[in-house]
């Protein structure tokens, strides 16, 4: 099943919701949403810095990952960025493909 990294940043309102409900409650909400899409939440962590949440999850396909990101963004309390994660074996397979491509000439 494809794996994804969700990176979330809370809005000011989202931070207030988080403070009121707690971090475990937000993890449960995301876990339930992922499970409803036929997937599994692997990790869920809060962080300091520009982003507030890092979560790794697996769902059946890209459509499910997009639906999750859109649903979260539509809630208005966080912005999300979703990154497709690839295994080393997937990169091994990709490295065996050699499509025709000519880079644009560089100046100088």
Protein backbone atom coordinates (compact mmCIF):
# COMPACT_ATOMS: atom_id res chain seq x y z
CA UNK A 1 0.00 0.00 0.00
CA UNK A 2 1.42 3.46 -0.85
CA UNK A 3 2.84 5.47 2.04
CA UNK A 4 2.65 9.22 2.49
CA UNK A 5 4.10 11.86 4.77
CA UNK A 6 1.60 14.48 5.90
CA UNK A 7 3.12 17.75 7.11
CA UNK A 8 0.66 20.01 8.88
CA UNK A 9 0.80 23.57 10.12
CA UNK A 10 -1.88 24.80 12.47
CA UNK A 11 -3.59 28.15 12.06
CA UNK A 12 -4.04 30.32 15.14
CA UNK A 13 -7.52 28.86 15.59
CA UNK A 14 -6.15 25.35 15.08
CA UNK A 15 -3.57 25.92 17.82
CA UNK A 16 -6.37 26.95 20.20
CA UNK A 17 -8.32 23.79 19.31
CA UNK A 18 -5.19 21.71 19.92
CA UNK A 19 -4.62 23.33 23.30
CA UNK A 20 -8.22 22.67 24.32
CA UNK A 21 -8.52 19.07 23.10
CA UNK A 22 -4.93 17.88 23.40
CA UNK A 23 -2.57 16.12 21.04
CA UNK A 24 -3.90 12.60 21.56
CA UNK A 25 -7.34 13.70 20.44
CA UNK A 26 -5.95 15.07 17.16
CA UNK A 27 -4.04 11.83 16.56
CA UNK A 28 -7.24 9.83 17.07
CA UNK A 29 -9.12 12.05 14.60
CA UNK A 30 -6.46 11.55 11.91
CA UNK A 31 -6.22 7.84 12.63
CA UNK A 32 -9.97 7.42 12.22
CA UNK A 33 -9.97 9.37 8.94
CA UNK A 34 -7.13 7.26 7.54
CA UNK A 35 -8.85 4.03 8.61
CA UNK A 36 -12.11 5.15 6.95
CA UNK A 37 -10.12 5.39 3.71
CA UNK A 38 -8.94 1.80 4.15
CA UNK A 39 -5.51 2.74 5.45
CA UNK A 40 -3.37 2.80 8.55
CA UNK A 41 -1.70 5.62 10.49
CA UNK A 42 1.91 4.59 11.07
CA UNK A 43 3.30 7.59 12.98
CA UNK A 44 2.00 10.90 14.31
CA UNK A 45 4.34 13.42 15.88
CA UNK A 46 4.26 17.06 16.86
CA UNK A 47 7.32 19.23 16.21
CA UNK A 48 8.82 22.64 16.88
CA UNK A 49 9.56 24.97 14.01
CA UNK A 50 7.70 25.93 10.88
CA UNK A 51 5.59 22.79 10.76
CA UNK A 52 3.55 21.44 13.65
CA UNK A 53 2.68 17.85 12.70
CA UNK A 54 4.43 15.04 10.86
CA UNK A 55 2.41 11.90 10.20
CA UNK A 56 3.18 8.86 8.08
CA UNK A 57 0.20 6.91 6.81
CA UNK A 58 -0.67 4.37 4.17
CA UNK A 59 -3.83 4.35 2.09
CA UNK A 60 -4.85 2.34 -0.97
CA UNK A 61 -4.00 5.02 -3.57
CA UNK A 62 -3.24 8.65 -4.40
CA UNK A 63 -6.95 9.49 -4.57
CA UNK A 64 -7.36 8.58 -0.91
CA UNK A 65 -4.32 10.64 0.08
CA UNK A 66 -5.66 13.61 -1.86
CA UNK A 67 -9.09 13.23 -0.25
CA UNK A 68 -7.51 13.26 3.20
CA UNK A 69 -5.43 16.37 2.45
CA UNK A 70 -8.40 18.19 0.94
CA UNK A 71 -10.63 17.30 3.89
CA UNK A 72 -8.09 18.58 6.40
CA UNK A 73 -7.46 21.78 4.44
CA UNK A 74 -11.20 22.40 4.07
CA UNK A 75 -11.53 22.32 7.86
CA UNK A 76 -9.66 25.62 8.00
CA UNK A 77 -7.56 24.87 11.10
CA UNK A 78 -4.43 23.62 9.35
CA UNK A 79 -2.60 23.68 6.07
CA UNK A 80 -1.16 20.40 4.88
CA UNK A 81 1.47 19.20 2.49
CA UNK A 82 1.47 15.57 1.42
CA UNK A 83 4.65 13.83 0.26
CA UNK A 84 4.69 10.46 -1.50
CA UNK A 85 7.16 8.11 0.20
CA UNK A 86 9.05 5.54 -1.86
CA UNK A 87 10.82 2.43 -0.61
CA UNK A 88 14.42 1.66 -1.59
CA UNK A 89 13.07 -1.15 -3.77
CA UNK A 90 10.82 1.28 -5.64
CA UNK A 91 13.84 3.47 -6.33
CA UNK A 92 15.73 0.35 -7.51
CA UNK A 93 12.95 -0.27 -10.06
CA UNK A 94 12.87 3.39 -11.09
CA UNK A 95 16.62 3.39 -11.63
CA UNK A 96 16.15 0.62 -14.21
CA UNK A 97 13.91 2.83 -16.37
CA UNK A 98 15.67 5.09 -18.85
CA UNK A 99 13.22 7.44 -20.60
CA UNK A 100 14.54 9.68 -23.38
CA UNK A 101 15.22 13.16 -22.09
CA UNK A 102 17.52 15.91 -23.22
CA UNK A 103 18.22 18.66 -20.71
CA UNK A 104 17.94 22.26 -21.79
CA UNK A 105 21.29 23.84 -22.63
CA UNK A 106 22.87 25.79 -19.80
CA UNK A 107 24.02 29.37 -20.24
CA UNK A 108 27.72 30.04 -20.29
